[in-house]
């Protein structure tokens, strides 16, 4: 049996396990890479699946620390996708290009400082975009707007918020989009407040899913707008409860 206390980070920031063979660690890494768990799961879920995987093996009582699975997650992601700095540079170049070509557009990036290899680095926190054409459409059709957030649409699993309007023919059109660090209140509020400030006015009706965070933010920054819940999402949640 391996005691979790018998673990440590060495000076190279690689987790080693006293008494655990390198073969087992190599086997775990191969399992995670093969199953591509880092594409759709957090380190916590990886830990759960890896523990299930090693059950029944010689070291079936091993208790993997969270930071070990986080390291597996990071290492395997980089093997397939490459280092995140390249994506950050591409986004920064896109941001500068938008500002140059469309100076009247709304384009903002939020970054946060993280420690990487004993050095500070920038990590993407949130990003949003709306163009002057989108704003002009909002000026004409601002009675009803739709806000929805989707997941698992990008390799970083960051929520994508889409803001859309409805024209006189009942067709939807894009008003803006935001990639957020999470669907927590501060992130959602940052995005919606920026959109409303840019559009210079609140809609008469705003339709969303049943996310409680969206409801609270809308009440705070758009108290005079009528907030409606999407019937499809309400029915979907009702079916989940019934099951």
Protein backbone atom coordinates (compact mmCIF):
# COMPACT_ATOMS: atom_id res chain seq x y z
CA UNK A 1 0.00 0.00 0.00
CA UNK A 2 1.25 3.46 -0.85
CA UNK A 3 0.71 6.23 1.66
CA UNK A 4 -0.21 9.56 0.07
CA UNK A 5 2.16 11.31 2.47
CA UNK A 6 5.05 9.57 0.74
CA UNK A 7 4.85 11.92 -2.23
CA UNK A 8 6.81 15.02 -3.04
CA UNK A 9 7.64 17.50 -5.76
CA UNK A 10 11.29 17.48 -6.76
CA UNK A 11 13.18 20.59 -7.87
CA UNK A 12 12.08 20.00 -11.47
CA UNK A 13 8.42 20.16 -10.42
CA UNK A 14 7.84 16.53 -11.41
CA UNK A 15 5.87 14.49 -8.92
CA UNK A 16 7.45 11.21 -7.90
CA UNK A 17 6.07 8.44 -5.72
CA UNK A 18 8.30 6.62 -3.28
CA UNK A 19 7.77 2.91 -3.71
CA UNK A 20 5.72 3.23 -6.91
CA UNK A 21 7.37 1.85 -10.00
CA UNK A 22 8.12 4.06 -12.96
CA UNK A 23 6.31 1.47 -15.05
CA UNK A 24 3.02 2.24 -13.29
CA UNK A 25 3.45 6.01 -13.73
CA UNK A 26 4.27 5.46 -17.41
CA UNK A 27 1.20 3.22 -17.69
CA UNK A 28 -1.02 5.92 -16.15
CA UNK A 29 0.33 8.57 -18.54
CA UNK A 30 -0.27 6.27 -21.50
CA UNK A 31 -3.83 5.57 -20.31
CA UNK A 32 -4.67 9.27 -20.00
CA UNK A 33 -3.19 10.06 -23.42
CA UNK A 34 -4.93 7.13 -25.06
CA UNK A 35 -8.32 7.99 -23.59
CA UNK A 36 -7.71 11.69 -24.37
CA UNK A 37 -9.17 12.59 -20.99
CA UNK A 38 -7.58 16.02 -21.05
CA UNK A 39 -9.86 17.01 -23.94
CA UNK A 40 -13.09 16.77 -22.00
CA UNK A 41 -12.25 16.37 -18.34
CA UNK A 42 -10.75 18.40 -15.52
CA UNK A 43 -7.81 17.08 -13.46
CA UNK A 44 -10.30 16.09 -10.74
CA UNK A 45 -12.20 13.85 -13.16
CA UNK A 46 -8.93 12.47 -14.51
CA UNK A 47 -7.96 11.54 -10.96
CA UNK A 48 -11.24 9.69 -10.47
CA UNK A 49 -10.90 7.78 -13.74
CA UNK A 50 -7.23 6.97 -13.18
CA UNK A 51 -7.99 5.61 -9.70
CA UNK A 52 -10.65 3.38 -11.25
CA UNK A 53 -8.17 2.30 -13.92
CA UNK A 54 -5.44 1.19 -11.48
CA UNK A 55 -7.91 -0.66 -9.27
CA UNK A 56 -7.24 -4.37 -9.38
CA UNK A 57 -3.59 -3.83 -10.21
CA UNK A 58 -0.76 -4.58 -7.81
CA UNK A 59 -0.89 -1.02 -6.46
CA UNK A 60 -4.67 -0.83 -6.24
CA UNK A 61 -4.59 1.09 -2.93
CA UNK A 62 -2.65 4.01 -4.34
CA UNK A 63 -4.17 7.43 -3.66
CA UNK A 64 -3.08 9.84 -6.37
CA UNK A 65 -2.79 13.49 -5.26
CA UNK A 66 -4.74 16.04 -7.26
CA UNK A 67 -1.58 17.89 -8.32
CA UNK A 68 -0.20 14.72 -9.93
CA UNK A 69 -3.30 14.40 -12.13
CA UNK A 70 -3.15 18.12 -12.86
CA UNK A 71 0.42 17.62 -14.07
CA UNK A 72 -0.72 14.71 -16.27
CA UNK A 73 -3.50 16.90 -17.66
CA UNK A 74 -1.10 19.75 -18.48
CA UNK A 75 1.63 17.50 -19.94
CA UNK A 76 -0.66 15.54 -22.25
CA UNK A 77 -2.47 18.66 -23.42
CA UNK A 78 0.82 20.24 -24.42
CA UNK A 79 1.91 17.09 -26.27
CA UNK A 80 -1.13 17.30 -28.54
CA UNK A 81 -1.91 21.02 -28.68
CA UNK A 82 1.46 22.60 -28.04
CA UNK A 83 2.19 25.34 -25.53
CA UNK A 84 -0.54 27.84 -24.73
CA UNK A 85 1.70 30.83 -25.48
CA UNK A 86 1.07 30.33 -29.21
CA UNK A 87 -2.69 30.67 -28.74
CA UNK A 88 -2.21 33.74 -26.56
CA UNK A 89 -0.02 35.35 -29.23
CA UNK A 90 -2.57 34.55 -31.95
CA UNK A 91 -5.38 36.08 -29.92
CA UNK A 92 -3.31 39.17 -29.16
CA UNK A 93 -2.54 39.60 -32.87
CA UNK A 94 -6.25 39.18 -33.69
CA UNK A 95 -7.11 41.80 -31.07
CA UNK A 96 -4.63 44.30 -32.55
CA UNK A 97 -5.88 43.56 -36.08
CA UNK A 98 -9.51 44.18 -35.08
CA UNK A 99 -8.58 47.44 -33.36
CA UNK A 100 -6.70 48.57 -36.46
CA UNK A 101 -9.32 47.56 -39.07
CA UNK A 102 -12.44 48.29 -37.01
CA UNK A 103 -11.61 51.04 -34.50
CA UNK A 104 -15.29 51.55 -33.61
CA UNK A 105 -15.82 47.92 -32.65
CA UNK A 106 -16.01 46.53 -29.13
CA UNK A 107 -13.07 44.20 -28.52
CA UNK A 108 -11.67 43.50 -25.07
CA UNK A 109 -9.31 40.97 -23.54
CA UNK A 110 -8.94 40.18 -19.86
CA UNK A 111 -5.73 38.50 -18.71
CA UNK A 112 -4.53 37.20 -15.39
CA UNK A 113 -1.02 36.61 -14.12
CA UNK A 114 0.06 33.03 -13.42
CA UNK A 115 3.31 31.42 -12.27
CA UNK A 116 4.96 29.19 -14.86
CA UNK A 117 8.46 27.78 -14.38
CA UNK A 118 9.15 30.36 -11.66
CA UNK A 119 8.25 33.17 -14.06
CA UNK A 120 5.11 35.26 -14.47
CA UNK A 121 3.04 34.67 -17.60
CA UNK A 122 -0.23 36.00 -18.97
CA UNK A 123 -3.19 33.65 -19.23
CA UNK A 124 -6.43 34.39 -21.06
CA UNK A 125 -9.28 35.10 -18.65
CA UNK A 126 -12.02 36.47 -20.94
CA UNK A 127 -12.48 37.88 -24.43
CA UNK A 128 -15.44 39.61 -26.10
CA UNK A 129 -16.26 41.08 -29.49
CA UNK A 130 -19.02 43.10 -31.12
CA UNK A 131 -18.72 45.12 -34.32
CA UNK A 132 -20.20 48.42 -35.50
CA UNK A 133 -22.47 46.53 -37.92
CA UNK A 134 -23.81 44.48 -35.01
CA UNK A 135 -24.43 47.66 -33.06
CA UNK A 136 -26.34 49.15 -35.99
CA UNK A 137 -28.53 46.05 -36.13
CA UNK A 138 -29.18 46.38 -32.40
CA UNK A 139 -30.31 49.99 -32.94
CA UNK A 140 -32.94 48.72 -35.39
CA UNK A 141 -34.00 45.53 -33.60
CA UNK A 142 -33.56 45.78 -29.84
CA UNK A 143 -36.98 44.62 -28.67
CA UNK A 144 -35.81 41.07 -27.96
CA UNK A 145 -32.30 39.68 -27.51
CA UNK A 146 -31.21 36.13 -26.77
CA UNK A 147 -28.28 35.15 -24.55
CA UNK A 148 -26.99 31.60 -24.39
CA UNK A 149 -23.80 30.00 -23.14
CA UNK A 150 -22.39 26.81 -24.61
CA UNK A 151 -19.65 24.47 -23.40
CA UNK A 152 -17.13 22.03 -24.88
CA UNK A 153 -17.03 24.05 -28.11
CA UNK A 154 -13.31 24.78 -27.81
CA UNK A 155 -10.29 22.87 -26.63
CA UNK A 156 -9.95 24.97 -23.48
CA UNK A 157 -13.53 24.18 -22.39
CA UNK A 158 -14.15 27.88 -21.78
CA UNK A 159 -17.81 28.94 -21.90
CA UNK A 160 -18.82 30.70 -25.13
CA UNK A 161 -21.52 33.34 -24.60
CA UNK A 162 -23.51 34.24 -27.70
CA UNK A 163 -25.73 37.35 -27.82
CA UNK A 164 -28.26 37.41 -30.66
CA UNK A 165 -31.18 39.56 -31.85
CA UNK A 166 -34.36 38.87 -33.83
CA UNK A 167 -35.28 40.87 -36.95
CA UNK A 168 -38.68 41.68 -38.44
CA UNK A 169 -38.76 38.34 -40.25
CA UNK A 170 -38.19 36.32 -37.08
CA UNK A 171 -34.61 35.51 -38.09
CA UNK A 172 -31.81 35.64 -35.55
CA UNK A 173 -28.57 37.57 -36.08
CA UNK A 174 -25.36 37.85 -34.09
CA UNK A 175 -24.89 40.84 -31.79
CA UNK A 176 -21.75 39.75 -29.99
CA UNK A 177 -19.81 36.88 -28.51
CA UNK A 178 -17.63 36.36 -25.47
CA UNK A 179 -15.28 33.61 -24.34
CA UNK A 180 -15.33 33.57 -20.54
CA UNK A 181 -13.16 32.03 -17.86
CA UNK A 182 -16.31 30.68 -16.17
CA UNK A 183 -20.03 31.31 -15.83
CA UNK A 184 -19.55 32.90 -12.44
CA UNK A 185 -21.26 36.19 -11.68
CA UNK A 186 -18.24 38.47 -12.15
CA UNK A 187 -17.40 37.02 -15.60
CA UNK A 188 -20.99 37.14 -16.86
CA UNK A 189 -21.50 40.65 -15.50
CA UNK A 190 -18.29 41.89 -17.14
CA UNK A 191 -19.45 40.62 -20.54
CA UNK A 192 -23.08 41.78 -20.44
CA UNK A 193 -22.20 45.18 -18.98
CA UNK A 194 -19.71 45.80 -21.78
CA UNK A 195 -22.27 44.81 -24.42
CA UNK A 196 -25.00 47.05 -22.96
CA UNK A 197 -22.61 50.00 -22.63
CA UNK A 198 -21.53 49.53 -26.24
CA UNK A 199 -25.13 49.22 -27.49
CA UNK A 200 -26.05 52.32 -25.44
CA UNK A 201 -29.30 50.89 -24.17
CA UNK A 202 -31.02 47.87 -22.67
CA UNK A 203 -33.41 45.62 -24.62
CA UNK A 204 -37.10 45.46 -23.83
CA UNK A 205 -36.98 41.67 -23.46
CA UNK A 206 -34.03 39.36 -22.84
CA UNK A 207 -34.43 35.61 -23.18
CA UNK A 208 -31.97 33.17 -21.55
CA UNK A 209 -31.74 29.63 -20.27
CA UNK A 210 -32.46 28.90 -16.60
CA UNK A 211 -28.94 29.77 -15.41
CA UNK A 212 -29.39 31.52 -12.01
CA UNK A 213 -26.23 33.61 -12.54
CA UNK A 214 -27.64 35.16 -15.72
CA UNK A 215 -30.89 35.96 -13.90
CA UNK A 216 -29.09 37.77 -11.09
CA UNK A 217 -26.82 39.74 -13.41
CA UNK A 218 -29.73 40.81 -15.63
CA UNK A 219 -31.65 41.99 -12.57
CA UNK A 220 -28.63 44.02 -11.44
CA UNK A 221 -27.69 45.74 -14.71
CA UNK A 222 -30.96 45.63 -16.67
CA UNK A 223 -33.71 45.96 -14.04
CA UNK A 224 -36.21 47.48 -16.51
CA UNK A 225 -35.81 44.68 -19.08
CA UNK A 226 -38.27 41.80 -19.02
CA UNK A 227 -36.39 38.55 -18.40
CA UNK A 228 -37.90 35.44 -20.02
CA UNK A 229 -36.69 31.85 -19.74
CA UNK A 230 -36.32 29.71 -22.85
CA UNK A 231 -39.16 27.14 -22.92
CA UNK A 232 -36.88 24.46 -24.38
CA UNK A 233 -34.39 24.76 -21.50
CA UNK A 234 -37.18 24.81 -18.92
CA UNK A 235 -38.69 21.62 -20.39
CA UNK A 236 -35.27 19.97 -20.58
CA UNK A 237 -34.56 20.72 -16.91
CA UNK A 238 -38.05 19.52 -15.96
CA UNK A 239 -37.39 16.19 -17.70
CA UNK A 240 -34.12 15.81 -15.81
CA UNK A 241 -35.93 16.33 -12.50
CA UNK A 242 -38.68 13.86 -13.48
CA UNK A 243 -36.09 11.23 -14.28
